[in-house]
Amino acid sequence: WPYLQTGLYPAKEEIPEELQPVAFELSHVLSAAIKRDPTSDVLGYVLSMSGFHKKGTNYFPTPPEIGRLMSLIVGSQSSADFYEPCCGSGINAIHWMENLIENHGPEALRE
């Protein structure tokens, strides 16, 4: 799916043609929800509520409280780099950016 959106890397499996309309609609719904509340973990919530982590997918979501704590430990220096080594919903990056914005304003993300 990301390959269809970005062309960065080929998909491991293609979305079956009959499911593509639903996949595109879900993508738009998730995008709208994330734009409405960028610091919430919309994707993590959807994946957790669907039991995705119980289906042998090796998805282990970071609780939002842990992401928030990690962002406070790391700090909010506007000159700091951030590296998110996991491949989940991005909750650690979300909270780091939220902390950065709270302490330095939205312009800190542009630096």
PDB file of N, CA and C in Angstrom:
ATOM      1  N   TRP A   1       0.806  -1.204   0.000  1.00  0.00           N
ATOM      2  CA  TRP A   1       0.000   0.000   0.000  1.00  0.00           C
ATOM      3  C   TRP A   1       0.850   1.269   0.000  1.00  0.00           C
ATOM      4  N   PRO A   2       1.889   1.377   0.838  1.00  0.00           N
ATOM      5  CA  PRO A   2       2.722   2.577   0.777  1.00  0.00           C
ATOM      6  C   PRO A   2       3.363   2.762  -0.593  1.00  0.00           C
ATOM      7  N   TYR A   3       3.666   1.658  -1.258  1.00  0.00           N
ATOM      8  CA  TYR A   3       4.274   1.757  -2.588  1.00  0.00           C
ATOM      9  C   TYR A   3       3.326   2.455  -3.559  1.00  0.00           C
ATOM     10  N   LEU A   4       2.039   2.139  -3.468  1.00  0.00           N
ATOM     11  CA  LEU A   4       1.063   2.799  -4.337  1.00  0.00           C
ATOM     12  C   LEU A   4       1.014   4.295  -4.054  1.00  0.00           C
ATOM     13  N   GLN A   5       1.224   4.661  -2.781  1.00  0.00           N
ATOM     14  CA  GLN A   5       1.159   6.064  -2.387  1.00  0.00           C
ATOM     15  C   GLN A   5       2.459   6.818  -2.670  1.00  0.00           C
ATOM     16  N   THR A   6       3.609   6.147  -2.444  1.00  0.00           N
ATOM     17  CA  THR A   6       4.885   6.857  -2.494  1.00  0.00           C
ATOM     18  C   THR A   6       5.861   6.341  -3.531  1.00  0.00           C
ATOM     19  N   GLY A   7       5.738   5.069  -3.899  1.00  0.00           N
ATOM     20  CA  GLY A   7       6.681   4.465  -4.824  1.00  0.00           C
ATOM     21  C   GLY A   7       8.023   4.157  -4.192  1.00  0.00           C
ATOM     22  N   LEU A   8       8.105   4.198  -2.854  1.00  0.00           N
ATOM     23  CA  LEU A   8       9.385   4.017  -2.171  1.00  0.00           C
ATOM     24  C   LEU A   8       9.910   2.588  -2.231  1.00  0.00           C
ATOM     25  N   TYR A   9       9.045   1.635  -2.073  1.00  0.00           N
ATOM     26  CA  TYR A   9       9.473   0.236  -2.120  1.00  0.00           C
ATOM     27  C   TYR A   9       8.287  -0.618  -2.550  1.00  0.00           C
ATOM     28  N   PRO A  10       8.556  -1.714  -3.238  1.00  0.00           N
ATOM     29  CA  PRO A  10       7.457  -2.544  -3.733  1.00  0.00           C
ATOM     30  C   PRO A  10       6.736  -3.262  -2.593  1.00  0.00           C
ATOM     31  N   ALA A  11       5.470  -3.511  -2.808  1.00  0.00           N
ATOM     32  CA  ALA A  11       4.662  -4.205  -1.813  1.00  0.00           C
ATOM     33  C   ALA A  11       5.041  -5.673  -1.739  1.00  0.00           C
ATOM     34  N   LYS A  12       4.961  -6.211  -0.526  1.00  0.00           N
ATOM     35  CA  LYS A  12       5.214  -7.637  -0.345  1.00  0.00           C
ATOM     36  C   LYS A  12       4.091  -8.431  -1.010  1.00  0.00           C
ATOM     37  N   GLU A  13       2.877  -7.940  -0.845  1.00  0.00           N
ATOM     38  CA  GLU A  13       1.703  -8.541  -1.471  1.00  0.00           C
ATOM     39  C   GLU A  13       0.857  -7.419  -2.057  1.00  0.00           C
ATOM     40  N   GLU A  14       0.223  -7.685  -3.149  1.00  0.00           N
ATOM     41  CA  GLU A  14      -0.673  -6.686  -3.733  1.00  0.00           C
ATOM     42  C   GLU A  14      -2.045  -6.792  -3.088  1.00  0.00           C
ATOM     43  N   ILE A  15      -2.707  -5.664  -2.985  1.00  0.00           N
ATOM     44  CA  ILE A  15      -4.073  -5.658  -2.483  1.00  0.00           C
ATOM     45  C   ILE A  15      -4.950  -6.250  -3.577  1.00  0.00           C
ATOM     46  N   PRO A  16      -5.756  -7.275  -3.246  1.00  0.00           N
ATOM     47  CA  PRO A  16      -6.640  -7.843  -4.266  1.00  0.00           C
ATOM     48  C   PRO A  16      -7.523  -6.758  -4.881  1.00  0.00           C
ATOM     49  N   GLU A  17      -7.730  -6.865  -6.153  1.00  0.00           N
ATOM     50  CA  GLU A  17      -8.462  -5.829  -6.888  1.00  0.00           C
ATOM     51  C   GLU A  17      -9.829  -5.533  -6.282  1.00  0.00           C
ATOM     52  N   GLU A  18     -10.517  -6.568  -5.802  1.00  0.00           N
ATOM     53  CA  GLU A  18     -11.862  -6.355  -5.250  1.00  0.00           C
ATOM     54  C   GLU A  18     -11.826  -5.614  -3.908  1.00  0.00           C
ATOM     55  N   LEU A  19     -10.669  -5.589  -3.240  1.00  0.00           N
ATOM     56  CA  LEU A  19     -10.546  -4.879  -1.963  1.00  0.00           C
ATOM     57  C   LEU A  19      -9.963  -3.477  -2.114  1.00  0.00           C
ATOM     58  N   GLN A  20      -9.483  -3.134  -3.289  1.00  0.00           N
ATOM     59  CA  GLN A  20      -8.847  -1.833  -3.482  1.00  0.00           C
ATOM     60  C   GLN A  20      -9.762  -0.651  -3.178  1.00  0.00           C
ATOM     61  N   PRO A  21     -11.045  -0.665  -3.591  1.00  0.00           N
ATOM     62  CA  PRO A  21     -11.899   0.480  -3.241  1.00  0.00           C
ATOM     63  C   PRO A  21     -12.022   0.677  -1.727  1.00  0.00           C
ATOM     64  N   VAL A  22     -12.138  -0.421  -0.980  1.00  0.00           N
ATOM     65  CA  VAL A  22     -12.241  -0.327   0.478  1.00  0.00           C
ATOM     66  C   VAL A  22     -10.925   0.181   1.062  1.00  0.00           C
ATOM     67  N   ALA A  23      -9.801  -0.305   0.539  1.00  0.00           N
ATOM     68  CA  ALA A  23      -8.488   0.125   1.020  1.00  0.00           C
ATOM     69  C   ALA A  23      -8.286   1.619   0.774  1.00  0.00           C
ATOM     70  N   PHE A  24      -8.669   2.098  -0.392  1.00  0.00           N
ATOM     71  CA  PHE A  24      -8.533   3.523  -0.693  1.00  0.00           C
ATOM     72  C   PHE A  24      -9.426   4.355   0.220  1.00  0.00           C
ATOM     73  N   GLU A  25     -10.651   3.902   0.450  1.00  0.00           N
ATOM     74  CA  GLU A  25     -11.563   4.630   1.333  1.00  0.00           C
ATOM     75  C   GLU A  25     -11.019   4.663   2.761  1.00  0.00           C
ATOM     76  N   LEU A  26     -10.507   3.527   3.242  1.00  0.00           N
ATOM     77  CA  LEU A  26      -9.920   3.478   4.579  1.00  0.00           C
ATOM     78  C   LEU A  26      -8.740   4.439   4.681  1.00  0.00           C
ATOM     79  N   SER A  27      -7.940   4.500   3.641  1.00  0.00           N
ATOM     80  CA  SER A  27      -6.802   5.419   3.618  1.00  0.00           C
ATOM     81  C   SER A  27      -7.266   6.862   3.770  1.00  0.00           C
ATOM     82  N   HIS A  28      -8.336   7.230   3.091  1.00  0.00           N
ATOM     83  CA  HIS A  28      -8.849   8.600   3.169  1.00  0.00           C
ATOM     84  C   HIS A  28      -9.444   8.896   4.548  1.00  0.00           C
ATOM     85  N   VAL A  29     -10.144   7.915   5.130  1.00  0.00           N
ATOM     86  CA  VAL A  29     -10.722   8.096   6.465  1.00  0.00           C
ATOM     87  C   VAL A  29      -9.616   8.273   7.505  1.00  0.00           C
ATOM     88  N   LEU A  30      -8.591   7.410   7.443  1.00  0.00           N
ATOM     89  CA  LEU A  30      -7.466   7.533   8.378  1.00  0.00           C
ATOM     90  C   LEU A  30      -6.742   8.864   8.199  1.00  0.00           C
ATOM     91  N   SER A  31      -6.535   9.272   6.964  1.00  0.00           N
ATOM     92  CA  SER A  31      -5.859  10.534   6.688  1.00  0.00           C
ATOM     93  C   SER A  31      -6.639  11.710   7.272  1.00  0.00           C
ATOM     94  N   ALA A  32      -7.957  11.704   7.093  1.00  0.00           N
ATOM     95  CA  ALA A  32      -8.792  12.787   7.628  1.00  0.00           C
ATOM     96  C   ALA A  32      -8.745  12.809   9.154  1.00  0.00           C
ATOM     97  N   ALA A  33      -8.777  11.627   9.786  1.00  0.00           N
ATOM     98  CA  ALA A  33      -8.732  11.556  11.249  1.00  0.00           C
ATOM     99  C   ALA A  33      -7.395  12.060  11.775  1.00  0.00           C
ATOM    100  N   ILE A  34      -6.316  11.702  11.107  1.00  0.00           N
ATOM    101  CA  ILE A  34      -4.985  12.144  11.529  1.00  0.00           C
ATOM    102  C   ILE A  34      -4.843  13.655  11.358  1.00  0.00           C
ATOM    103  N   LYS A  35      -5.383  14.198  10.272  1.00  0.00           N
ATOM    104  CA  LYS A  35      -5.321  15.650  10.061  1.00  0.00           C
ATOM    105  C   LYS A  35      -6.143  16.380  11.112  1.00  0.00           C
ATOM    106  N   ARG A  36      -7.256  15.783  11.527  1.00  0.00           N
ATOM    107  CA  ARG A  36      -8.120  16.405  12.519  1.00  0.00           C
ATOM    108  C   ARG A  36      -7.439  16.453  13.891  1.00  0.00           C
ATOM    109  N   ASP A  37      -6.693  15.397  14.225  1.00  0.00           N
ATOM    110  CA  ASP A  37      -6.017  15.337  15.522  1.00  0.00           C
ATOM    111  C   ASP A  37      -4.643  14.703  15.340  1.00  0.00           C
ATOM    112  N   PRO A  38      -3.657  15.488  14.877  1.00  0.00           N
ATOM    113  CA  PRO A  38      -2.357  14.932  14.510  1.00  0.00           C
ATOM    114  C   PRO A  38      -1.573  14.294  15.652  1.00  0.00           C
ATOM    115  N   THR A  39      -1.891  14.618  16.897  1.00  0.00           N
ATOM    116  CA  THR A  39      -1.123  14.036  17.996  1.00  0.00           C
ATOM    117  C   THR A  39      -1.785  12.802  18.596  1.00  0.00           C
ATOM    118  N   SER A  40      -2.873  12.353  18.008  1.00  0.00           N
ATOM    119  CA  SER A  40      -3.477  11.110  18.489  1.00  0.00           C
ATOM    120  C   SER A  40      -2.939   9.945  17.661  1.00  0.00           C
ATOM    121  N   ASP A  41      -3.023   8.764  18.219  1.00  0.00           N
ATOM    122  CA  ASP A  41      -2.514   7.569  17.550  1.00  0.00           C
ATOM    123  C   ASP A  41      -3.674   6.845  16.878  1.00  0.00           C
ATOM    124  N   VAL A  42      -4.213   7.447  15.838  1.00  0.00           N
ATOM    125  CA  VAL A  42      -5.381   6.902  15.146  1.00  0.00           C
ATOM    126  C   VAL A  42      -5.096   5.509  14.599  1.00  0.00           C
ATOM    127  N   LEU A  43      -3.989   5.359  13.905  1.00  0.00           N
ATOM    128  CA  LEU A  43      -3.663   4.065  13.307  1.00  0.00           C
ATOM    129  C   LEU A  43      -3.440   3.003  14.385  1.00  0.00           C
ATOM    130  N   GLY A  44      -2.728   3.342  15.444  1.00  0.00           N
ATOM    131  CA  GLY A  44      -2.511   2.402  16.543  1.00  0.00           C
ATOM    132  C   GLY A  44      -3.821   1.969  17.176  1.00  0.00           C
ATOM    133  N   TYR A  45      -4.754   2.915  17.328  1.00  0.00           N
ATOM    134  CA  TYR A  45      -6.063   2.607  17.900  1.00  0.00           C
ATOM    135  C   TYR A  45      -6.822   1.629  17.006  1.00  0.00           C
ATOM    136  N   VAL A  46      -6.849   1.903  15.712  1.00  0.00           N
ATOM    137  CA  VAL A  46      -7.558   1.027  14.773  1.00  0.00           C
ATOM    138  C   VAL A  46      -6.951  -0.372  14.781  1.00  0.00           C
ATOM    139  N   LEU A  47      -5.627  -0.450  14.731  1.00  0.00           N
ATOM    140  CA  LEU A  47      -4.963  -1.757  14.720  1.00  0.00           C
ATOM    141  C   LEU A  47      -5.198  -2.513  16.024  1.00  0.00           C
ATOM    142  N   SER A  48      -5.152  -1.820  17.149  1.00  0.00           N
ATOM    143  CA  SER A  48      -5.373  -2.477  18.436  1.00  0.00           C
ATOM    144  C   SER A  48      -6.815  -2.944  18.586  1.00  0.00           C
ATOM    145  N   MET A  49      -7.764  -2.102  18.191  1.00  0.00           N
ATOM    146  CA  MET A  49      -9.180  -2.469  18.309  1.00  0.00           C
ATOM    147  C   MET A  49      -9.551  -3.635  17.398  1.00  0.00           C
ATOM    148  N   SER A  50      -8.845  -3.777  16.300  1.00  0.00           N
ATOM    149  CA  SER A  50      -9.151  -4.869  15.371  1.00  0.00           C
ATOM    150  C   SER A  50      -8.486  -6.177  15.795  1.00  0.00           C
ATOM    151  N   GLY A  51      -7.688  -6.139  16.866  1.00  0.00           N
ATOM    152  CA  GLY A  51      -6.991  -7.339  17.315  1.00  0.00           C
ATOM    153  C   GLY A  51      -5.842  -7.717  16.406  1.00  0.00           C
ATOM    154  N   PHE A  52      -5.359  -6.739  15.646  1.00  0.00           N
ATOM    155  CA  PHE A  52      -4.292  -6.973  14.669  1.00  0.00           C
ATOM    156  C   PHE A  52      -3.070  -7.609  15.318  1.00  0.00           C
ATOM    157  N   HIS A  53      -2.764  -7.178  16.550  1.00  0.00           N
ATOM    158  CA  HIS A  53      -1.576  -7.690  17.248  1.00  0.00           C
ATOM    159  C   HIS A  53      -1.725  -9.150  17.671  1.00  0.00           C
ATOM    160  N   LYS A  54      -2.930  -9.684  17.649  1.00  0.00           N
ATOM    161  CA  LYS A  54      -3.169 -11.072  18.054  1.00  0.00           C
ATOM    162  C   LYS A  54      -3.178 -12.032  16.869  1.00  0.00           C
ATOM    163  N   LYS A  55      -2.958 -11.532  15.692  1.00  0.00           N
ATOM    164  CA  LYS A  55      -3.097 -12.351  14.487  1.00  0.00           C
ATOM    165  C   LYS A  55      -1.758 -12.776  13.899  1.00  0.00           C
ATOM    166  N   GLY A  56      -0.735 -12.870  14.731  1.00  0.00           N
ATOM    167  CA  GLY A  56       0.569 -13.324  14.266  1.00  0.00           C
ATOM    168  C   GLY A  56       1.286 -12.339  13.368  1.00  0.00           C
ATOM    169  N   THR A  57       1.016 -11.050  13.550  1.00  0.00           N
ATOM    170  CA  THR A  57       1.601 -10.028  12.680  1.00  0.00           C
ATOM    171  C   THR A  57       2.867  -9.410  13.259  1.00  0.00           C
ATOM    172  N   ASN A  58       3.219  -9.792  14.478  1.00  0.00           N
ATOM    173  CA  ASN A  58       4.371  -9.194  15.167  1.00  0.00           C
ATOM    174  C   ASN A  58       4.196  -7.692  15.361  1.00  0.00           C
ATOM    175  N   TYR A  59       2.960  -7.255  15.544  1.00  0.00           N
ATOM    176  CA  TYR A  59       2.662  -5.853  15.834  1.00  0.00           C
ATOM    177  C   TYR A  59       2.533  -5.716  17.346  1.00  0.00           C
ATOM    178  N   PHE A  60       3.420  -4.948  17.949  1.00  0.00           N
ATOM    179  CA  PHE A  60       3.419  -4.743  19.385  1.00  0.00           C
ATOM    180  C   PHE A  60       3.348  -3.243  19.646  1.00  0.00           C
ATOM    181  N   PRO A  61       2.137  -2.697  19.823  1.00  0.00           N
ATOM    182  CA  PRO A  61       1.996  -1.247  19.943  1.00  0.00           C
ATOM    183  C   PRO A  61       2.614  -0.695  21.224  1.00  0.00           C
ATOM    184  N   THR A  62       3.258   0.445  21.092  1.00  0.00           N
ATOM    185  CA  THR A  62       3.773   1.159  22.257  1.00  0.00           C
ATOM    186  C   THR A  62       2.605   1.905  22.885  1.00  0.00           C
ATOM    187  N   PRO A  63       2.329   1.690  24.170  1.00  0.00           N
ATOM    188  CA  PRO A  63       1.250   2.447  24.810  1.00  0.00           C
ATOM    189  C   PRO A  63       1.534   3.947  24.720  1.00  0.00           C
ATOM    190  N   PRO A  64       0.496   4.757  24.484  1.00  0.00           N
ATOM    191  CA  PRO A  64       0.695   6.209  24.363  1.00  0.00           C
ATOM    192  C   PRO A  64       1.420   6.814  25.564  1.00  0.00           C
ATOM    193  N   GLU A  65       1.150   6.283  26.759  1.00  0.00           N
ATOM    194  CA  GLU A  65       1.802   6.811  27.956  1.00  0.00           C
ATOM    195  C   GLU A  65       3.318   6.619  27.891  1.00  0.00           C
ATOM    196  N   ILE A  66       3.762   5.492  27.330  1.00  0.00           N
ATOM    197  CA  ILE A  66       5.196   5.220  27.197  1.00  0.00           C
ATOM    198  C   ILE A  66       5.810   6.180  26.174  1.00  0.00           C
ATOM    199  N   GLY A  67       5.111   6.393  25.062  1.00  0.00           N
ATOM    200  CA  GLY A  67       5.590   7.338  24.055  1.00  0.00           C
ATOM    201  C   GLY A  67       5.724   8.740  24.620  1.00  0.00           C
ATOM    202  N   ARG A  68       4.739   9.138  25.431  1.00  0.00           N
ATOM    203  CA  ARG A  68       4.772  10.466  26.051  1.00  0.00           C
ATOM    204  C   ARG A  68       5.948  10.560  27.030  1.00  0.00           C
ATOM    205  N   LEU A  69       6.134   9.520  27.854  1.00  0.00           N
ATOM    206  CA  LEU A  69       7.243   9.501  28.805  1.00  0.00           C
ATOM    207  C   LEU A  69       8.584   9.560  28.081  1.00  0.00           C
ATOM    208  N   MET A  70       8.726   8.790  27.016  1.00  0.00           N
ATOM    209  CA  MET A  70       9.979   8.790  26.259  1.00  0.00           C
ATOM    210  C   MET A  70      10.272  10.168  25.674  1.00  0.00           C
ATOM    211  N   SER A  71       9.231  10.864  25.215  1.00  0.00           N
ATOM    212  CA  SER A  71       9.455  12.201  24.649  1.00  0.00           C
ATOM    213  C   SER A  71       9.915  13.176  25.725  1.00  0.00           C
ATOM    214  N   LEU A  72       9.422  13.008  26.945  1.00  0.00           N
ATOM    215  CA  LEU A  72       9.858  13.876  28.043  1.00  0.00           C
ATOM    216  C   LEU A  72      11.292  13.565  28.455  1.00  0.00           C
ATOM    217  N   ILE A  73      11.661  12.289  28.419  1.00  0.00           N
ATOM    218  CA  ILE A  73      13.031  11.898  28.767  1.00  0.00           C
ATOM    219  C   ILE A  73      14.017  12.443  27.737  1.00  0.00           C
ATOM    220  N   VAL A  74      13.658  12.305  26.461  1.00  0.00           N
ATOM    221  CA  VAL A  74      14.533  12.767  25.379  1.00  0.00           C
ATOM    222  C   VAL A  74      14.670  14.278  25.416  1.00  0.00           C
ATOM    223  N   GLY A  75      13.605  14.963  25.771  1.00  0.00           N
ATOM    224  CA  GLY A  75      13.641  16.417  25.823  1.00  0.00           C
ATOM    225  C   GLY A  75      13.104  17.039  24.556  1.00  0.00           C
ATOM    226  N   SER A  76      13.153  18.342  24.524  1.00  0.00           N
ATOM    227  CA  SER A  76      12.547  19.058  23.400  1.00  0.00           C
ATOM    228  C   SER A  76      13.489  20.088  22.803  1.00  0.00           C
ATOM    229  N   GLN A  77      14.746  19.761  22.686  1.00  0.00           N
ATOM    230  CA  GLN A  77      15.683  20.690  22.060  1.00  0.00           C
ATOM    231  C   GLN A  77      15.328  20.810  20.584  1.00  0.00           C
ATOM    232  N   SER A  78      15.135  22.025  20.130  1.00  0.00           N
ATOM    233  CA  SER A  78      14.724  22.208  18.736  1.00  0.00           C
ATOM    234  C   SER A  78      15.817  21.799  17.758  1.00  0.00           C
ATOM    235  N   SER A  79      17.054  21.699  18.226  1.00  0.00           N
ATOM    236  CA  SER A  79      18.140  21.313  17.322  1.00  0.00           C
ATOM    237  C   SER A  79      18.386  19.807  17.322  1.00  0.00           C
ATOM    238  N   ALA A  80      17.646  19.066  18.132  1.00  0.00           N
ATOM    239  CA  ALA A  80      17.863  17.623  18.256  1.00  0.00           C
ATOM    240  C   ALA A  80      17.278  16.872  17.062  1.00  0.00           C
ATOM    241  N   ASP A  81      17.929  15.782  16.715  1.00  0.00           N
ATOM    242  CA  ASP A  81      17.401  14.874  15.701  1.00  0.00           C
ATOM    243  C   ASP A  81      16.620  13.780  16.409  1.00  0.00           C
ATOM    244  N   PHE A  82      15.664  13.206  15.700  1.00  0.00           N
ATOM    245  CA  PHE A  82      14.865  12.127  16.268  1.00  0.00           C
ATOM    246  C   PHE A  82      14.893  10.952  15.315  1.00  0.00           C
ATOM    247  N   TYR A  83      15.086   9.775  15.853  1.00  0.00           N
ATOM    248  CA  TYR A  83      15.095   8.557  15.052  1.00  0.00           C
ATOM    249  C   TYR A  83      14.093   7.589  15.648  1.00  0.00           C
ATOM    250  N   GLU A  84      13.150   7.138  14.867  1.00  0.00           N
ATOM    251  CA  GLU A  84      12.132   6.182  15.298  1.00  0.00           C
ATOM    252  C   GLU A  84      12.487   4.838  14.690  1.00  0.00           C
ATOM    253  N   PRO A  85      13.079   3.930  15.471  1.00  0.00           N
ATOM    254  CA  PRO A  85      13.562   2.668  14.913  1.00  0.00           C
ATOM    255  C   PRO A  85      12.471   1.636  14.657  1.00  0.00           C
ATOM    256  N   CYS A  86      11.289   1.869  15.193  1.00  0.00           N
ATOM    257  CA  CYS A  86      10.224   0.874  15.051  1.00  0.00           C
ATOM    258  C   CYS A  86       9.391   1.148  13.809  1.00  0.00           C
ATOM    259  N   CYS A  87       8.578   0.198  13.463  1.00  0.00           N
ATOM    260  CA  CYS A  87       7.778   0.322  12.249  1.00  0.00           C
ATOM    261  C   CYS A  87       6.308   0.153  12.595  1.00  0.00           C
ATOM    262  N   GLY A  88       5.852   0.875  13.575  1.00  0.00           N
ATOM    263  CA  GLY A  88       4.464   0.765  14.000  1.00  0.00           C
ATOM    264  C   GLY A  88       3.667   1.957  13.513  1.00  0.00           C
ATOM    265  N   SER A  89       2.856   2.482  14.408  1.00  0.00           N
ATOM    266  CA  SER A  89       2.003   3.605  14.037  1.00  0.00           C
ATOM    267  C   SER A  89       2.686   4.951  14.246  1.00  0.00           C
ATOM    268  N   GLY A  90       3.902   4.963  14.789  1.00  0.00           N
ATOM    269  CA  GLY A  90       4.656   6.207  14.934  1.00  0.00           C
ATOM    270  C   GLY A  90       4.360   6.986  16.194  1.00  0.00           C
ATOM    271  N   ILE A  91       3.839   6.317  17.230  1.00  0.00           N
ATOM    272  CA  ILE A  91       3.445   7.033  18.439  1.00  0.00           C
ATOM    273  C   ILE A  91       4.616   7.755  19.099  1.00  0.00           C
ATOM    274  N   ASN A  92       5.812   7.171  19.056  1.00  0.00           N
ATOM    275  CA  ASN A  92       6.972   7.845  19.661  1.00  0.00           C
ATOM    276  C   ASN A  92       7.286   9.140  18.921  1.00  0.00           C
ATOM    277  N   ALA A  93       7.243   9.110  17.610  1.00  0.00           N
ATOM    278  CA  ALA A  93       7.486  10.315  16.811  1.00  0.00           C
ATOM    279  C   ALA A  93       6.385  11.343  17.036  1.00  0.00           C
ATOM    280  N   ILE A  94       5.150  10.881  17.148  1.00  0.00           N
ATOM    281  CA  ILE A  94       4.020  11.789  17.377  1.00  0.00           C
ATOM    282  C   ILE A  94       4.229  12.562  18.674  1.00  0.00           C
ATOM    283  N   HIS A  95       4.571  11.862  19.746  1.00  0.00           N
ATOM    284  CA  HIS A  95       4.741  12.540  21.037  1.00  0.00           C
ATOM    285  C   HIS A  95       5.987  13.419  21.066  1.00  0.00           C
ATOM    286  N   TRP A  96       7.055  13.006  20.372  1.00  0.00           N
ATOM    287  CA  TRP A  96       8.247  13.847  20.303  1.00  0.00           C
ATOM    288  C   TRP A  96       7.916  15.164  19.593  1.00  0.00           C
ATOM    289  N   MET A  97       7.182  15.081  18.475  1.00  0.00           N
ATOM    290  CA  MET A  97       6.805  16.297  17.743  1.00  0.00           C
ATOM    291  C   MET A  97       5.859  17.154  18.565  1.00  0.00           C
ATOM    292  N   GLU A  98       4.919  16.525  19.271  1.00  0.00           N
ATOM    293  CA  GLU A  98       3.993  17.266  20.123  1.00  0.00           C
ATOM    294  C   GLU A  98       4.765  18.034  21.199  1.00  0.00           C
ATOM    295  N   ASN A  99       5.736  17.385  21.831  1.00  0.00           N
ATOM    296  CA  ASN A  99       6.565  18.023  22.854  1.00  0.00           C
ATOM    297  C   ASN A  99       7.368  19.181  22.255  1.00  0.00           C
ATOM    298  N   LEU A 100       7.916  18.975  21.076  1.00  0.00           N
ATOM    299  CA  LEU A 100       8.686  20.010  20.390  1.00  0.00           C
ATOM    300  C   LEU A 100       7.809  21.227  20.085  1.00  0.00           C
ATOM    301  N   ILE A 101       6.604  20.995  19.588  1.00  0.00           N
ATOM    302  CA  ILE A 101       5.676  22.085  19.263  1.00  0.00           C
ATOM    303  C   ILE A 101       5.270  22.842  20.522  1.00  0.00           C
ATOM    304  N   GLU A 102       4.976  22.106  21.609  1.00  0.00           N
ATOM    305  CA  GLU A 102       4.573  22.756  22.859  1.00  0.00           C
ATOM    306  C   GLU A 102       5.669  23.672  23.404  1.00  0.00           C
ATOM    307  N   ASN A 103       6.926  23.276  23.220  1.00  0.00           N
ATOM    308  CA  ASN A 103       8.039  24.045  23.786  1.00  0.00           C
ATOM    309  C   ASN A 103       8.643  25.080  22.845  1.00  0.00           C
ATOM    310  N   HIS A 104       8.513  24.882  21.536  1.00  0.00           N
ATOM    311  CA  HIS A 104       9.176  25.781  20.582  1.00  0.00           C
ATOM    312  C   HIS A 104       8.263  26.281  19.463  1.00  0.00           C
ATOM    313  N   GLY A 105       7.015  25.863  19.448  1.00  0.00           N
ATOM    314  CA  GLY A 105       6.093  26.286  18.405  1.00  0.00           C
ATOM    315  C   GLY A 105       6.223  25.442  17.142  1.00  0.00           C
ATOM    316  N   PRO A 106       5.232  25.524  16.253  1.00  0.00           N
ATOM    317  CA  PRO A 106       5.218  24.709  15.033  1.00  0.00           C
ATOM    318  C   PRO A 106       6.417  24.937  14.119  1.00  0.00           C
ATOM    319  N   GLU A 107       6.994  26.131  14.181  1.00  0.00           N
ATOM    320  CA  GLU A 107       8.137  26.425  13.305  1.00  0.00           C
ATOM    321  C   GLU A 107       9.345  25.539  13.622  1.00  0.00           C
ATOM    322  N   ALA A 108       9.395  24.952  14.822  1.00  0.00           N
ATOM    323  CA  ALA A 108      10.517  24.069  15.187  1.00  0.00           C
ATOM    324  C   ALA A 108      10.566  22.828  14.306  1.00  0.00           C
ATOM    325  N   LEU A 109       9.433  22.422  13.755  1.00  0.00           N
ATOM    326  CA  LEU A 109       9.405  21.245  12.881  1.00  0.00           C
ATOM    327  C   LEU A 109       9.998  21.541  11.512  1.00  0.00           C
ATOM    328  N   ARG A 110      10.088  22.787  11.153  1.00  0.00           N
ATOM    329  CA  ARG A 110      10.596  23.169   9.824  1.00  0.00           C
ATOM    330  C   ARG A 110      12.117  23.278   9.798  1.00  0.00           C
ATOM    331  N   GLU A 111      12.743  23.328  10.965  1.00  0.00           N
ATOM    332  CA  GLU A 111      14.198  23.529  11.033  1.00  0.00           C
ATOM    333  C   GLU A 111      14.965  22.345  10.525  1.00  0.00           C
TER     334      GLU A 111
END
